[in-house]
Amino acid sequence: MARVGLGWRAKDLAEKADVGTATLARFELGKDISDESLQKITTTLKAQGVQFTASRLRVGVSVKA
């Protein structure tokens, strides 16, 4: 998980992305969240060097050291 790779707690990411902790928990469980919240989370993670990759069979996340 990207936030763990950054050494962040769920509360840290929620605060930095300006979303509620319940919203982040839903996202991490694979449940639906608003497009706006998803954008805030991904923008925050990408700003920290997180890269998302996807192919037909696989989704991945990497964090720049």
PDB file of N, CA and C in Angstrom:
ATOM      1  N   MET A   1       0.839  -1.180   0.000  1.00  0.00           N
ATOM      2  CA  MET A   1       0.000   0.000   0.000  1.00  0.00           C
ATOM      3  C   MET A   1       0.883   1.242   0.000  1.00  0.00           C
ATOM      4  N   ALA A   2       0.482   2.224  -0.748  1.00  0.00           N
ATOM      5  CA  ALA A   2       1.287   3.426  -0.941  1.00  0.00           C
ATOM      6  C   ALA A   2       1.532   4.187   0.356  1.00  0.00           C
ATOM      7  N   ARG A   3       0.522   4.389   1.155  1.00  0.00           N
ATOM      8  CA  ARG A   3       0.721   5.200   2.364  1.00  0.00           C
ATOM      9  C   ARG A   3       1.643   4.512   3.354  1.00  0.00           C
ATOM     10  N   VAL A   4       1.589   3.187   3.404  1.00  0.00           N
ATOM     11  CA  VAL A   4       2.486   2.445   4.291  1.00  0.00           C
ATOM     12  C   VAL A   4       3.928   2.603   3.805  1.00  0.00           C
ATOM     13  N   GLY A   5       4.115   2.567   2.498  1.00  0.00           N
ATOM     14  CA  GLY A   5       5.438   2.779   1.923  1.00  0.00           C
ATOM     15  C   GLY A   5       6.009   4.147   2.255  1.00  0.00           C
ATOM     16  N   LEU A   6       5.137   5.100   2.468  1.00  0.00           N
ATOM     17  CA  LEU A   6       5.562   6.444   2.856  1.00  0.00           C
ATOM     18  C   LEU A   6       5.766   6.568   4.366  1.00  0.00           C
ATOM     19  N   GLY A   7       5.338   5.538   5.104  1.00  0.00           N
ATOM     20  CA  GLY A   7       5.450   5.584   6.558  1.00  0.00           C
ATOM     21  C   GLY A   7       4.352   6.413   7.209  1.00  0.00           C
ATOM     22  N   TRP A   8       3.229   6.574   6.492  1.00  0.00           N
ATOM     23  CA  TRP A   8       2.114   7.371   7.000  1.00  0.00           C
ATOM     24  C   TRP A   8       1.054   6.489   7.629  1.00  0.00           C
ATOM     25  N   ARG A   9       0.423   7.006   8.663  1.00  0.00           N
ATOM     26  CA  ARG A   9      -0.774   6.377   9.227  1.00  0.00           C
ATOM     27  C   ARG A   9      -1.970   6.816   8.363  1.00  0.00           C
ATOM     28  N   ALA A  10      -3.068   6.121   8.505  1.00  0.00           N
ATOM     29  CA  ALA A  10      -4.276   6.492   7.749  1.00  0.00           C
ATOM     30  C   ALA A  10      -4.665   7.935   8.059  1.00  0.00           C
ATOM     31  N   LYS A  11      -4.561   8.306   9.317  1.00  0.00           N
ATOM     32  CA  LYS A  11      -4.914   9.675   9.718  1.00  0.00           C
ATOM     33  C   LYS A  11      -4.029  10.696   9.005  1.00  0.00           C
ATOM     34  N   ASP A  12      -2.736  10.372   8.820  1.00  0.00           N
ATOM     35  CA  ASP A  12      -1.822  11.285   8.133  1.00  0.00           C
ATOM     36  C   ASP A  12      -2.273  11.545   6.698  1.00  0.00           C
ATOM     37  N   LEU A  13      -2.565  10.466   5.966  1.00  0.00           N
ATOM     38  CA  LEU A  13      -2.990  10.625   4.581  1.00  0.00           C
ATOM     39  C   LEU A  13      -4.326  11.348   4.500  1.00  0.00           C
ATOM     40  N   ALA A  14      -5.261  11.000   5.357  1.00  0.00           N
ATOM     41  CA  ALA A  14      -6.565  11.663   5.335  1.00  0.00           C
ATOM     42  C   ALA A  14      -6.406  13.170   5.534  1.00  0.00           C
ATOM     43  N   GLU A  15      -5.565  13.562   6.483  1.00  0.00           N
ATOM     44  CA  GLU A  15      -5.358  14.989   6.739  1.00  0.00           C
ATOM     45  C   GLU A  15      -4.674  15.673   5.559  1.00  0.00           C
ATOM     46  N   LYS A  16      -3.624  15.049   5.032  1.00  0.00           N
ATOM     47  CA  LYS A  16      -2.883  15.660   3.926  1.00  0.00           C
ATOM     48  C   LYS A  16      -3.733  15.768   2.660  1.00  0.00           C
ATOM     49  N   ALA A  17      -4.627  14.790   2.455  1.00  0.00           N
ATOM     50  CA  ALA A  17      -5.481  14.791   1.270  1.00  0.00           C
ATOM     51  C   ALA A  17      -6.785  15.562   1.487  1.00  0.00           C
ATOM     52  N   ASP A  18      -7.018  15.993   2.709  1.00  0.00           N
ATOM     53  CA  ASP A  18      -8.244  16.726   3.056  1.00  0.00           C
ATOM     54  C   ASP A  18      -9.492  15.895   2.779  1.00  0.00           C
ATOM     55  N   VAL A  19      -9.442  14.630   3.237  1.00  0.00           N
ATOM     56  CA  VAL A  19     -10.613  13.757   3.187  1.00  0.00           C
ATOM     57  C   VAL A  19     -10.813  13.185   4.584  1.00  0.00           C
ATOM     58  N   GLY A  20     -12.000  12.702   4.850  1.00  0.00           N
ATOM     59  CA  GLY A  20     -12.275  12.113   6.145  1.00  0.00           C
ATOM     60  C   GLY A  20     -11.611  10.750   6.307  1.00  0.00           C
ATOM     61  N   THR A  21     -11.342  10.388   7.545  1.00  0.00           N
ATOM     62  CA  THR A  21     -10.735   9.085   7.788  1.00  0.00           C
ATOM     63  C   THR A  21     -11.676   7.949   7.374  1.00  0.00           C
ATOM     64  N   ALA A  22     -12.986   8.154   7.504  1.00  0.00           N
ATOM     65  CA  ALA A  22     -13.944   7.133   7.072  1.00  0.00           C
ATOM     66  C   ALA A  22     -13.895   6.965   5.550  1.00  0.00           C
ATOM     67  N   THR A  23     -13.729   8.066   4.832  1.00  0.00           N
ATOM     68  CA  THR A  23     -13.605   8.003   3.370  1.00  0.00           C
ATOM     69  C   THR A  23     -12.357   7.232   2.985  1.00  0.00           C
ATOM     70  N   LEU A  24     -11.247   7.521   3.632  1.00  0.00           N
ATOM     71  CA  LEU A  24     -10.004   6.811   3.341  1.00  0.00           C
ATOM     72  C   LEU A  24     -10.148   5.325   3.662  1.00  0.00           C
ATOM     73  N   ALA A  25     -10.790   5.005   4.763  1.00  0.00           N
ATOM     74  CA  ALA A  25     -10.998   3.601   5.127  1.00  0.00           C
ATOM     75  C   ALA A  25     -11.826   2.886   4.054  1.00  0.00           C
ATOM     76  N   ARG A  26     -12.873   3.524   3.548  1.00  0.00           N
ATOM     77  CA  ARG A  26     -13.684   2.924   2.473  1.00  0.00           C
ATOM     78  C   ARG A  26     -12.829   2.685   1.238  1.00  0.00           C
ATOM     79  N   PHE A  27     -12.012   3.675   0.878  1.00  0.00           N
ATOM     80  CA  PHE A  27     -11.122   3.548  -0.276  1.00  0.00           C
ATOM     81  C   PHE A  27     -10.172   2.361  -0.103  1.00  0.00           C
ATOM     82  N   GLU A  28      -9.569   2.257   1.065  1.00  0.00           N
ATOM     83  CA  GLU A  28      -8.610   1.184   1.305  1.00  0.00           C
ATOM     84  C   GLU A  28      -9.267  -0.197   1.346  1.00  0.00           C
ATOM     85  N   LEU A  29     -10.552  -0.234   1.605  1.00  0.00           N
ATOM     86  CA  LEU A  29     -11.297  -1.497   1.568  1.00  0.00           C
ATOM     87  C   LEU A  29     -11.832  -1.814   0.175  1.00  0.00           C
ATOM     88  N   GLY A  30     -11.562  -0.926  -0.783  1.00  0.00           N
ATOM     89  CA  GLY A  30     -12.013  -1.149  -2.152  1.00  0.00           C
ATOM     90  C   GLY A  30     -13.449  -0.757  -2.405  1.00  0.00           C
ATOM     91  N   LYS A  31     -14.014   0.013  -1.495  1.00  0.00           N
ATOM     92  CA  LYS A  31     -15.396   0.462  -1.666  1.00  0.00           C
ATOM     93  C   LYS A  31     -15.420   1.777  -2.426  1.00  0.00           C
ATOM     94  N   ASP A  32     -16.589   2.141  -2.903  1.00  0.00           N
ATOM     95  CA  ASP A  32     -16.749   3.365  -3.689  1.00  0.00           C
ATOM     96  C   ASP A  32     -16.583   4.615  -2.833  1.00  0.00           C
ATOM     97  N   ILE A  33     -15.876   5.594  -3.395  1.00  0.00           N
ATOM     98  CA  ILE A  33     -15.800   6.936  -2.824  1.00  0.00           C
ATOM     99  C   ILE A  33     -16.022   7.910  -3.969  1.00  0.00           C
ATOM    100  N   SER A  34     -16.238   9.162  -3.643  1.00  0.00           N
ATOM    101  CA  SER A  34     -16.506  10.149  -4.688  1.00  0.00           C
ATOM    102  C   SER A  34     -15.264  10.351  -5.554  1.00  0.00           C
ATOM    103  N   ASP A  35     -15.503  10.772  -6.786  1.00  0.00           N
ATOM    104  CA  ASP A  35     -14.396  11.072  -7.700  1.00  0.00           C
ATOM    105  C   ASP A  35     -13.499  12.165  -7.116  1.00  0.00           C
ATOM    106  N   GLU A  36     -14.103  13.136  -6.459  1.00  0.00           N
ATOM    107  CA  GLU A  36     -13.338  14.230  -5.858  1.00  0.00           C
ATOM    108  C   GLU A  36     -12.392  13.712  -4.773  1.00  0.00           C
ATOM    109  N   SER A  37     -12.888  12.833  -3.924  1.00  0.00           N
ATOM    110  CA  SER A  37     -12.044  12.269  -2.863  1.00  0.00           C
ATOM    111  C   SER A  37     -10.934  11.410  -3.451  1.00  0.00           C
ATOM    112  N   LEU A  38     -11.254  10.628  -4.460  1.00  0.00           N
ATOM    113  CA  LEU A  38     -10.245   9.802  -5.117  1.00  0.00           C
ATOM    114  C   LEU A  38      -9.152  10.669  -5.710  1.00  0.00           C
ATOM    115  N   GLN A  39      -9.534  11.759  -6.347  1.00  0.00           N
ATOM    116  CA  GLN A  39      -8.565  12.680  -6.933  1.00  0.00           C
ATOM    117  C   GLN A  39      -7.668  13.282  -5.860  1.00  0.00           C
ATOM    118  N   LYS A  40      -8.242  13.680  -4.749  1.00  0.00           N
ATOM    119  CA  LYS A  40      -7.454  14.263  -3.664  1.00  0.00           C
ATOM    120  C   LYS A  40      -6.431  13.264  -3.127  1.00  0.00           C
ATOM    121  N   ILE A  41      -6.850  12.019  -2.951  1.00  0.00           N
ATOM    122  CA  ILE A  41      -5.954  10.991  -2.420  1.00  0.00           C
ATOM    123  C   ILE A  41      -4.825  10.707  -3.404  1.00  0.00           C
ATOM    124  N   THR A  42      -5.165  10.492  -4.667  1.00  0.00           N
ATOM    125  CA  THR A  42      -4.124  10.162  -5.645  1.00  0.00           C
ATOM    126  C   THR A  42      -3.178  11.338  -5.879  1.00  0.00           C
ATOM    127  N   THR A  43      -3.687  12.555  -5.907  1.00  0.00           N
ATOM    128  CA  THR A  43      -2.841  13.726  -6.079  1.00  0.00           C
ATOM    129  C   THR A  43      -1.864  13.862  -4.920  1.00  0.00           C
ATOM    130  N   THR A  44      -2.340  13.645  -3.720  1.00  0.00           N
ATOM    131  CA  THR A  44      -1.484  13.725  -2.534  1.00  0.00           C
ATOM    132  C   THR A  44      -0.386  12.675  -2.581  1.00  0.00           C
ATOM    133  N   LEU A  45      -0.744  11.456  -2.945  1.00  0.00           N
ATOM    134  CA  LEU A  45       0.246  10.382  -3.011  1.00  0.00           C
ATOM    135  C   LEU A  45       1.261  10.620  -4.123  1.00  0.00           C
ATOM    136  N   LYS A  46       0.791  11.047  -5.286  1.00  0.00           N
ATOM    137  CA  LYS A  46       1.706  11.314  -6.401  1.00  0.00           C
ATOM    138  C   LYS A  46       2.680  12.437  -6.069  1.00  0.00           C
ATOM    139  N   ALA A  47       2.229  13.421  -5.313  1.00  0.00           N
ATOM    140  CA  ALA A  47       3.107  14.531  -4.914  1.00  0.00           C
ATOM    141  C   ALA A  47       4.253  14.052  -4.024  1.00  0.00           C
ATOM    142  N   GLN A  48       4.081  12.886  -3.419  1.00  0.00           N
ATOM    143  CA  GLN A  48       5.114  12.308  -2.564  1.00  0.00           C
ATOM    144  C   GLN A  48       5.966  11.276  -3.305  1.00  0.00           C
ATOM    145  N   GLY A  49       5.772  11.167  -4.619  1.00  0.00           N
ATOM    146  CA  GLY A  49       6.584  10.263  -5.419  1.00  0.00           C
ATOM    147  C   GLY A  49       5.994   8.891  -5.658  1.00  0.00           C
ATOM    148  N   VAL A  50       4.761   8.688  -5.265  1.00  0.00           N
ATOM    149  CA  VAL A  50       4.102   7.400  -5.498  1.00  0.00           C
ATOM    150  C   VAL A  50       3.756   7.287  -6.978  1.00  0.00           C
ATOM    151  N   GLN A  51       4.024   6.127  -7.547  1.00  0.00           N
ATOM    152  CA  GLN A  51       3.688   5.859  -8.942  1.00  0.00           C
ATOM    153  C   GLN A  51       2.709   4.694  -8.991  1.00  0.00           C
ATOM    154  N   PHE A  52       1.661   4.864  -9.774  1.00  0.00           N
ATOM    155  CA  PHE A  52       0.652   3.827  -9.958  1.00  0.00           C
ATOM    156  C   PHE A  52       0.846   3.207 -11.336  1.00  0.00           C
ATOM    157  N   THR A  53       0.791   1.889 -11.416  1.00  0.00           N
ATOM    158  CA  THR A  53       0.900   1.205 -12.694  1.00  0.00           C
ATOM    159  C   THR A  53      -0.285   0.257 -12.837  1.00  0.00           C
ATOM    160  N   ALA A  54      -0.666   0.024 -14.069  1.00  0.00           N
ATOM    161  CA  ALA A  54      -1.781  -0.892 -14.315  1.00  0.00           C
ATOM    162  C   ALA A  54      -1.576  -1.574 -15.654  1.00  0.00           C
ATOM    163  N   SER A  55      -1.941  -2.809 -15.686  1.00  0.00           N
ATOM    164  CA  SER A  55      -1.969  -3.556 -16.933  1.00  0.00           C
ATOM    165  C   SER A  55      -3.269  -4.342 -16.945  1.00  0.00           C
ATOM    166  N   ARG A  56      -3.435  -5.124 -17.943  1.00  0.00           N
ATOM    167  CA  ARG A  56      -4.674  -5.880 -18.069  1.00  0.00           C
ATOM    168  C   ARG A  56      -4.901  -6.824 -16.882  1.00  0.00           C
ATOM    169  N   LEU A  57      -3.834  -7.357 -16.341  1.00  0.00           N
ATOM    170  CA  LEU A  57      -3.973  -8.358 -15.273  1.00  0.00           C
ATOM    171  C   LEU A  57      -3.494  -7.914 -13.906  1.00  0.00           C
ATOM    172  N   ARG A  58      -2.863  -6.757 -13.831  1.00  0.00           N
ATOM    173  CA  ARG A  58      -2.204  -6.394 -12.575  1.00  0.00           C
ATOM    174  C   ARG A  58      -2.253  -4.899 -12.331  1.00  0.00           C
ATOM    175  N   VAL A  59      -2.354  -4.529 -11.065  1.00  0.00           N
ATOM    176  CA  VAL A  59      -2.258  -3.141 -10.631  1.00  0.00           C
ATOM    177  C   VAL A  59      -1.134  -3.065  -9.628  1.00  0.00           C
ATOM    178  N   GLY A  60      -0.310  -2.031  -9.717  1.00  0.00           N
ATOM    179  CA  GLY A  60       0.811  -1.921  -8.798  1.00  0.00           C
ATOM    180  C   GLY A  60       1.037  -0.513  -8.326  1.00  0.00           C
ATOM    181  N   VAL A  61       1.798  -0.414  -7.241  1.00  0.00           N
ATOM    182  CA  VAL A  61       2.154   0.876  -6.646  1.00  0.00           C
ATOM    183  C   VAL A  61       3.617   0.794  -6.288  1.00  0.00           C
ATOM    184  N   SER A  62       4.357   1.864  -6.571  1.00  0.00           N
ATOM    185  CA  SER A  62       5.744   1.937  -6.116  1.00  0.00           C
ATOM    186  C   SER A  62       5.973   3.312  -5.504  1.00  0.00           C
ATOM    187  N   VAL A  63       6.915   3.353  -4.576  1.00  0.00           N
ATOM    188  CA  VAL A  63       7.247   4.589  -3.898  1.00  0.00           C
ATOM    189  C   VAL A  63       8.722   4.848  -4.134  1.00  0.00           C
ATOM    190  N   LYS A  64       9.043   6.036  -4.634  1.00  0.00           N
ATOM    191  CA  LYS A  64      10.437   6.388  -4.872  1.00  0.00           C
ATOM    192  C   LYS A  64      11.151   6.527  -3.531  1.00  0.00           C
ATOM    193  N   ALA A  65      12.337   5.955  -3.467  1.00  0.00           N
ATOM    194  CA  ALA A  65      13.126   6.017  -2.222  1.00  0.00           C
ATOM    195  C   ALA A  65      13.819   7.346  -2.088  1.00  0.00           C
TER     196      ALA A  65
END
